Amino acid sequence: MGIDVNQLNNYGNMCPLGETITDCRYPMVKMCLTGTDAPKEGEGLRIAVYQGEGLAGDKAAIDHNLKCLEEWAGKAAGYQAQILVLPELFLCGYNILPNDIENVVRTEVQVQELVGPIARKNNLAIVCPYAEVDPDTQEHYDSIVMIDKEGGVLRNYRKCHLWGTGEKTNWKFPYVNDPEEAYIPIPVNGINVGLLNCYEAEFPELYRIYALKGTQVVLAPTAADVGTVNADGTFFSSWTYPDISKTAIPGNAYSNKMFTVYANHAMRQFRSDGSLSGVYLGNSAIADPYGEMLAHANNMPTLLVADCVPGNYLPTHPYGESDYIKDRRPELYAALTKMEATLPDGSTYRYPQNPNNRHEDS
């Protein structure tokens, strides 16, 4: 399946040949705002989520996706968004094949130099997922950099829970020797913000860790797909990725009294030669502390914009009597950190001390 990539406008959408960005019928904008002006510092955070099509796999893809970011950041700024969240591996595209890696990996500093000027120009923070190479070790990571509105780096987070054999082949498991560095909330506009990456949005332990550190918003870029094309050119889809935007995302928001944000790709990604790279669910969502949806996308290029204001949400249980955090019994939870688990069939699964050596430890 091939396309003329020149037909992709800077929103990353397929438009009829010759149609301009301005004339294109996309994008869809869905909003849930508390007022005309964005929340004040310490009061809340106006969050924008971008989902759309794009390119994957080489420098041309990175150049194209940056042009998309410039357009969408400008549109988000027009709604006074204070932070823009992009899907997993947005910069280079998600479906990175083994031969692509050396062409798409960038250092944290290189990505800051690419994205920082866009953040400064639009006066908003940007959460930009990318393929990272550590300049010291030359190891590769599925990473997210959070750039502030001045263009500086607030946080560089490396994905800890890798999904499937492809990710485990391409990327390293981080924070093996420094686990306390993994889940650190960062203030943005005076609101404590945490980062998760795709598959990690399905682990309730991670939200609870963030909640115990005072986190008010968790942002989770993702690449939940229908299927991807492998190195042999075969479209592979053994199942459609489960739509956790309607289950785990609002459920973890409710049980941790926080906002959860899920930013996925939409429709299709292509390689720069016009061949198909992957098809995605386009189910980005923003959920509130009551487990209700503030905004939810359909599978089309969309900008979600929502005001996340913690003070607008009263306790869900009798005030001062019941609280999920204060009523915990940590002395009962030792099983959560044991290095083995009993599976439903009665067998024992033992976790490797270092997941990068999982084949040696098993």
Protein backbone atom coordinates (compact mmCIF):
# COMPACT_ATOMS: atom_id res chain seq x y z
CA MET A 1 0.00 0.00 0.00
CA GLY A 2 1.66 3.23 -1.12
CA ILE A 3 0.89 6.93 -1.15
CA ASP A 4 2.44 10.09 -2.48
CA VAL A 5 3.80 11.60 0.73
CA ASN A 6 3.58 15.03 -0.87
CA GLN A 7 -0.18 14.73 -0.40
CA LEU A 8 0.30 14.75 3.38
CA ASN A 9 -0.28 18.29 4.62
CA ASN A 10 1.49 19.62 7.69
CA TYR A 11 -1.31 18.41 9.93
CA GLY A 12 -0.25 14.93 8.89
CA ASN A 13 -3.54 14.29 7.08
CA MET A 14 -4.26 12.97 3.62
CA CYS A 15 -5.92 15.71 1.53
CA PRO A 16 -6.77 15.75 -2.17
CA LEU A 17 -3.79 16.70 -4.30
CA GLY A 18 -3.39 20.46 -4.43
CA GLU A 19 -5.60 21.18 -1.43
CA THR A 20 -3.97 23.59 1.03
CA ILE A 21 -3.60 23.17 4.77
CA THR A 22 -6.09 25.98 5.32
CA ASP A 23 -8.68 24.37 3.04
CA CYS A 24 -8.36 20.88 4.48
CA ARG A 25 -11.41 19.80 6.48
CA TYR A 26 -9.28 18.53 9.35
CA PRO A 27 -8.56 18.81 12.23
CA MET A 28 -11.44 18.17 14.59
CA VAL A 29 -11.24 20.17 17.84
CA LYS A 30 -12.98 18.94 21.00
CA MET A 31 -12.91 21.09 24.13
CA CYS A 32 -13.98 21.04 27.76
CA LEU A 33 -13.06 24.39 29.30
CA THR A 34 -13.92 26.02 32.60
CA GLY A 35 -13.78 29.51 31.10
CA THR A 36 -12.38 31.63 28.31
CA ASP A 37 -9.02 32.12 30.01
CA ALA A 38 -6.66 29.29 30.90
CA PRO A 39 -6.34 28.40 34.61
CA LYS A 40 -4.03 30.54 36.71
CA GLU A 41 -0.77 29.16 38.08
CA GLY A 42 -1.41 26.72 40.91
CA GLU A 43 -5.09 26.53 40.01
CA GLY A 44 -5.10 24.16 37.07
CA LEU A 45 -3.67 23.28 33.69
CA ARG A 46 -5.14 23.67 30.21
CA ILE A 47 -3.99 20.53 28.40
CA ALA A 48 -4.04 19.95 24.65
CA VAL A 49 -3.65 16.50 23.08
CA TYR A 50 -2.74 16.02 19.43
CA GLN A 51 -3.55 12.90 17.45
CA GLY A 52 -3.06 12.55 13.72
CA GLU A 53 -1.28 10.74 10.93
CA GLY A 54 2.41 11.08 10.15
CA LEU A 55 5.54 9.41 8.86
CA ALA A 56 7.86 6.85 10.47
CA GLY A 57 11.34 5.43 10.20
CA ASP A 58 13.91 7.97 8.98
CA LYS A 59 15.13 11.58 9.00
CA ALA A 60 12.52 12.58 6.43
CA ALA A 61 9.87 11.33 8.85
CA ILE A 62 11.36 13.41 11.67
CA ASP A 63 11.41 16.52 9.46
CA HIS A 64 7.78 15.96 8.45
CA ASN A 65 6.58 15.28 11.97
CA LEU A 66 8.29 18.45 13.22
CA LYS A 67 6.35 20.44 10.62
CA CYS A 68 3.16 18.83 11.94
CA LEU A 69 4.18 19.82 15.47
CA GLU A 70 4.72 23.44 14.42
CA GLU A 71 1.19 23.58 13.01
CA TRP A 72 -0.50 21.85 15.92
CA ALA A 73 1.41 23.79 18.56
CA GLY A 74 0.20 27.00 16.94
CA LYS A 75 -3.37 25.74 16.97
CA ALA A 76 -3.09 24.64 20.62
CA ALA A 77 -1.66 28.03 21.56
CA GLY A 78 -4.68 29.66 19.93
CA TYR A 79 -6.81 27.99 22.61
CA GLN A 80 -4.40 29.15 25.35
CA ALA A 81 -3.21 25.59 26.00
CA GLN A 82 -0.44 25.49 28.58
CA ILE A 83 0.92 22.09 27.60
CA LEU A 84 0.66 20.00 24.42
CA VAL A 85 0.90 16.19 24.65
CA LEU A 86 1.97 14.11 21.63
CA PRO A 87 1.72 10.33 20.97
CA GLU A 88 4.42 7.76 21.69
CA LEU A 89 7.58 8.09 19.56
CA PHE A 90 5.94 11.05 17.83
CA LEU A 91 9.16 12.49 16.50
CA CYS A 92 10.24 9.47 14.45
CA GLY A 93 7.00 7.48 14.23
CA TYR A 94 6.16 4.44 16.34
CA ASN A 95 6.84 1.38 14.19
CA ILE A 96 10.63 1.51 14.16
CA LEU A 97 12.23 -1.48 12.45
CA PRO A 98 15.69 -2.71 13.50
CA ASN A 99 17.40 -1.14 10.48
CA ASP A 100 15.75 2.22 11.22
CA ILE A 101 17.20 2.76 14.67
CA GLU A 102 20.50 4.40 13.82
CA ASN A 103 18.67 6.85 11.53
CA VAL A 104 16.06 7.99 14.05
CA VAL A 105 17.69 8.05 17.49
CA ARG A 106 18.52 11.47 18.91
CA THR A 107 20.02 12.68 22.18
CA GLU A 108 17.97 14.62 24.71
CA VAL A 109 19.91 17.77 23.81
CA GLN A 110 19.24 17.31 20.09
CA VAL A 111 15.50 16.98 20.70
CA GLN A 112 15.51 20.04 22.94
CA GLU A 113 17.14 21.97 20.11
CA LEU A 114 14.40 20.83 17.72
CA VAL A 115 11.35 21.24 19.96
CA GLY A 116 12.44 24.03 22.31
CA PRO A 117 12.02 26.82 19.74
CA ILE A 118 8.47 25.62 18.97
CA ALA A 119 7.62 25.71 22.68
CA ARG A 120 9.06 29.22 23.07
CA LYS A 121 7.30 30.54 19.98
CA ASN A 122 3.92 29.30 21.21
CA ASN A 123 4.45 29.91 24.94
CA LEU A 124 3.44 26.40 25.95
CA ALA A 125 5.11 23.29 27.33
CA ILE A 126 5.44 20.33 24.96
CA VAL A 127 5.56 16.62 25.81
CA CYS A 128 7.47 15.10 22.88
CA PRO A 129 8.13 11.33 22.75
CA TYR A 130 11.19 10.27 20.75
CA ALA A 131 13.76 7.54 20.20
CA GLU A 132 16.69 8.37 22.48
CA VAL A 133 20.35 7.49 22.28
CA ASP A 134 22.35 8.02 25.44
CA PRO A 135 25.47 9.96 24.37
CA ASP A 136 27.62 8.23 27.00
CA THR A 137 26.52 4.59 26.72
CA GLN A 138 25.07 4.63 23.17
CA GLU A 139 22.08 2.69 24.54
CA HIS A 140 18.66 3.28 23.00
CA TYR A 141 15.46 4.14 24.85
CA ASP A 142 11.77 4.77 24.11
CA SER A 143 11.72 8.21 25.75
CA ILE A 144 9.62 11.29 26.43
CA VAL A 145 11.04 14.76 26.88
CA MET A 146 8.96 17.45 28.57
CA ILE A 147 9.97 20.92 27.36
CA ASP A 148 8.83 24.01 29.25
CA LYS A 149 7.40 27.12 27.62
CA GLU A 150 10.85 28.73 27.67
CA GLY A 151 12.35 25.83 25.72
CA GLY A 152 14.16 24.19 28.66
CA VAL A 153 13.97 20.52 29.65
CA LEU A 154 11.70 19.83 32.60
CA ARG A 155 12.02 16.04 32.49
CA ASN A 156 13.41 13.29 30.28
CA TYR A 157 11.60 10.03 31.03
CA ARG A 158 12.56 6.61 29.66
CA LYS A 159 9.88 3.94 29.23
CA CYS A 160 10.25 1.32 31.97
CA HIS A 161 7.70 -1.33 30.92
CA LEU A 162 8.36 -2.33 27.32
CA TRP A 163 5.59 -3.96 25.29
CA GLY A 164 6.10 -6.95 23.03
CA THR A 165 9.21 -8.47 21.51
CA GLY A 166 9.76 -5.56 19.12
CA GLU A 167 10.13 -2.96 21.84
CA LYS A 168 12.24 -5.29 23.98
CA THR A 169 14.55 -5.78 21.01
CA ASN A 170 14.83 -2.10 20.08
CA TRP A 171 15.04 -0.42 23.48
CA LYS A 172 16.77 -0.84 26.84
CA PHE A 173 15.03 -1.10 30.22
CA PRO A 174 16.08 2.00 32.19
CA TYR A 175 16.48 2.86 35.89
CA VAL A 176 17.74 -0.61 36.83
CA ASN A 177 20.25 0.79 39.30
CA ASP A 178 18.36 3.96 40.20
CA PRO A 179 14.65 3.06 40.48
CA GLU A 180 13.85 6.19 42.48
CA GLU A 181 14.58 8.22 39.36
CA ALA A 182 11.70 6.65 37.41
CA TYR A 183 8.51 8.31 38.66
CA ILE A 184 9.10 11.94 39.53
CA PRO A 185 6.28 14.50 39.25
CA ILE A 186 7.21 17.88 37.76
CA PRO A 187 5.27 21.13 38.34
CA VAL A 188 3.79 22.73 35.23
CA ASN A 189 1.82 25.93 35.87
CA GLY A 190 1.93 24.97 39.54
CA ILE A 191 0.27 21.56 38.95
CA ASN A 192 2.20 18.33 39.66
CA VAL A 193 2.51 16.32 36.43
CA GLY A 194 3.77 12.75 35.96
CA LEU A 195 4.68 10.82 32.81
CA LEU A 196 3.89 7.27 31.72
CA ASN A 197 4.44 5.71 28.30
CA CYS A 198 1.79 3.64 26.46
CA TYR A 199 1.67 0.10 27.95
CA GLU A 200 2.56 1.61 31.32
CA ALA A 201 -0.84 3.32 31.39
CA GLU A 202 -2.28 -0.15 32.15
CA PHE A 203 -0.29 -0.66 35.38
CA PRO A 204 -2.27 0.60 38.40
CA GLU A 205 0.85 0.47 40.58
CA LEU A 206 2.38 3.33 38.62
CA TYR A 207 -0.53 5.72 39.14
CA ARG A 208 -0.52 4.92 42.84
CA ILE A 209 3.20 5.67 43.08
CA TYR A 210 2.55 9.02 41.46
CA ALA A 211 -0.45 9.66 43.74
CA LEU A 212 1.74 9.00 46.79
CA LYS A 213 4.05 11.74 45.51
CA GLY A 214 1.29 14.33 45.21
CA THR A 215 0.79 14.04 41.46
CA GLN A 216 -2.37 15.69 40.12
CA VAL A 217 -2.12 14.87 36.39
CA VAL A 218 -0.60 11.85 34.65
CA LEU A 219 0.21 12.19 30.94
CA ALA A 220 0.50 8.97 28.92
CA PRO A 221 1.54 9.16 25.27
CA THR A 222 0.70 5.90 23.50
CA ALA A 223 0.80 4.04 20.18
CA ALA A 224 -2.15 1.67 20.55
CA ASP A 225 -2.51 0.11 17.13
CA VAL A 226 -4.71 -2.05 14.96
CA GLY A 227 -1.62 -3.48 13.30
CA THR A 228 1.84 -2.66 11.94
CA VAL A 229 3.96 -3.65 8.95
CA ASN A 230 7.01 -5.77 9.78
CA ALA A 231 10.45 -5.76 8.18
CA ASP A 232 9.24 -8.23 5.51
CA GLY A 233 6.51 -5.82 4.43
CA THR A 234 3.72 -7.92 5.97
CA PHE A 235 0.86 -6.18 7.77
CA PHE A 236 0.64 -7.97 11.11
CA SER A 237 -2.44 -7.78 13.32
CA SER A 238 -3.10 -10.69 15.65
CA TRP A 239 -5.57 -8.53 17.58
CA THR A 240 -6.60 -4.93 17.94
CA TYR A 241 -5.01 -3.30 20.97
CA PRO A 242 -7.64 -3.07 23.75
CA ASP A 243 -9.31 0.32 24.08
CA ILE A 244 -8.06 1.22 27.54
CA SER A 245 -9.16 4.82 27.03
CA LYS A 246 -12.57 3.66 28.28
CA THR A 247 -11.33 1.39 31.09
CA ALA A 248 -7.87 1.81 32.63
CA ILE A 249 -7.54 5.52 31.88
CA PRO A 250 -10.72 6.71 33.67
CA GLY A 251 -10.51 3.93 36.28
CA ASN A 252 -7.04 4.95 37.43
CA ALA A 253 -8.07 8.60 37.41
CA TYR A 254 -10.91 7.80 39.81
CA SER A 255 -8.98 5.54 42.19
CA ASN A 256 -6.12 8.04 42.51
CA LYS A 257 -8.05 11.33 42.50
CA MET A 258 -6.13 12.65 39.51
CA PHE A 259 -6.54 13.61 35.86
CA THR A 260 -5.29 11.08 33.32
CA VAL A 261 -4.38 11.96 29.74
CA TYR A 262 -3.96 9.41 26.93
CA ALA A 263 -2.47 10.64 23.62
CA ASN A 264 -2.58 8.18 20.71
CA HIS A 265 -1.83 8.30 17.00
CA ALA A 266 -4.80 8.36 14.62
CA MET A 267 -5.56 6.42 11.46
CA ARG A 268 -2.34 5.56 9.57
CA GLN A 269 1.39 6.17 9.60
CA PHE A 270 3.46 5.75 6.47
CA ARG A 271 7.13 5.43 5.69
CA SER A 272 8.69 8.20 3.62
CA ASP A 273 8.69 5.95 0.54
CA GLY A 274 4.89 5.91 0.72
CA SER A 275 4.49 2.39 2.10
CA LEU A 276 2.23 1.72 5.06
CA SER A 277 3.87 1.57 8.51
CA GLY A 278 0.91 1.10 10.87
CA VAL A 279 -2.77 1.67 11.61
CA TYR A 280 -3.79 3.18 14.96
CA LEU A 281 -6.89 3.39 17.14
CA GLY A 282 -7.11 7.18 17.44
CA ASN A 283 -8.68 6.98 20.91
CA SER A 284 -6.99 9.84 22.76
CA ALA A 285 -8.77 10.88 25.95
CA ILE A 286 -8.68 13.13 29.00
CA ALA A 287 -10.36 11.81 32.16
CA ASP A 288 -11.11 13.65 35.39
CA PRO A 289 -10.79 12.56 39.07
CA TYR A 290 -14.40 11.29 39.00
CA GLY A 291 -13.49 8.85 36.22
CA GLU A 292 -15.53 10.84 33.71
CA MET A 293 -14.36 11.88 30.25
CA LEU A 294 -13.60 15.54 29.75
CA ALA A 295 -12.77 14.89 26.09
CA HIS A 296 -12.46 11.80 23.90
CA ALA A 297 -11.39 11.57 20.26
CA ASN A 298 -12.74 9.52 17.41
CA ASN A 299 -10.26 7.95 14.99
CA MET A 300 -9.50 11.06 12.96
CA PRO A 301 -6.99 13.91 13.29
CA THR A 302 -8.07 15.74 16.43
CA LEU A 303 -7.00 18.31 18.96
CA LEU A 304 -8.41 17.76 22.44
CA VAL A 305 -8.31 20.72 24.83
CA ALA A 306 -9.44 20.48 28.46
CA ASP A 307 -9.03 22.44 31.67
CA CYS A 308 -7.80 20.22 34.49
CA VAL A 309 -8.60 22.06 37.72
CA PRO A 310 -8.18 19.86 40.84
CA GLY A 311 -10.09 22.27 43.11
CA ASN A 312 -13.29 21.74 41.11
CA TYR A 313 -13.61 18.14 42.36
CA LEU A 314 -15.00 17.30 45.77
CA PRO A 315 -14.19 14.00 47.53
CA THR A 316 -16.09 10.98 46.22
CA HIS A 317 -16.54 9.61 49.77
CA PRO A 318 -17.64 11.35 53.00
CA TYR A 319 -15.29 14.29 53.46
CA GLY A 320 -12.76 13.70 56.24
CA GLU A 321 -13.95 10.13 56.83
CA SER A 322 -12.64 8.11 53.88
CA ASP A 323 -9.67 8.66 51.57
CA TYR A 324 -7.92 6.23 49.20
CA ILE A 325 -4.46 7.49 50.11
CA LYS A 326 -4.86 7.98 53.85
CA ASP A 327 -6.75 4.71 54.34
CA ARG A 328 -4.06 2.55 52.78
CA ARG A 329 -2.47 -0.29 54.82
CA PRO A 330 1.11 -0.37 53.49
CA GLU A 331 2.09 -3.02 56.04
CA LEU A 332 -0.18 -5.44 54.13
CA TYR A 333 1.30 -4.80 50.69
CA ALA A 334 4.68 -6.56 50.85
CA ALA A 335 3.54 -8.98 48.12
CA LEU A 336 3.59 -6.12 45.62
CA THR A 337 7.38 -5.86 45.76
CA LYS A 338 8.30 -9.55 45.99
CA MET A 339 10.43 -10.81 43.12
CA GLU A 340 8.09 -13.69 42.38
CA ALA A 341 4.40 -14.25 41.72
CA THR A 342 2.11 -17.27 41.82
CA LEU A 343 0.21 -17.58 38.53
CA PRO A 344 -3.38 -18.88 38.23
CA ASP A 345 -2.15 -22.33 37.17
CA GLY A 346 -0.15 -22.61 40.40
CA SER A 347 3.24 -22.09 38.79
CA THR A 348 5.73 -19.52 40.07
CA TYR A 349 7.01 -16.68 37.93
CA ARG A 350 10.28 -15.12 39.05
CA TYR A 351 11.15 -11.60 37.99
CA PRO A 352 14.69 -10.96 36.70
CA GLN A 353 16.87 -8.72 38.85
CA ASN A 354 17.81 -6.86 35.67
CA PRO A 355 15.22 -7.06 32.88
CA ASN A 356 17.94 -6.31 30.32
CA ASN A 357 19.43 -9.69 31.29
CA ARG A 358 16.06 -11.45 31.46
CA HIS A 359 17.17 -14.36 29.25
CA GLU A 360 20.21 -15.00 31.44
CA ASP A 361 18.20 -14.77 34.69
CA SER A 362 15.38 -17.05 33.55
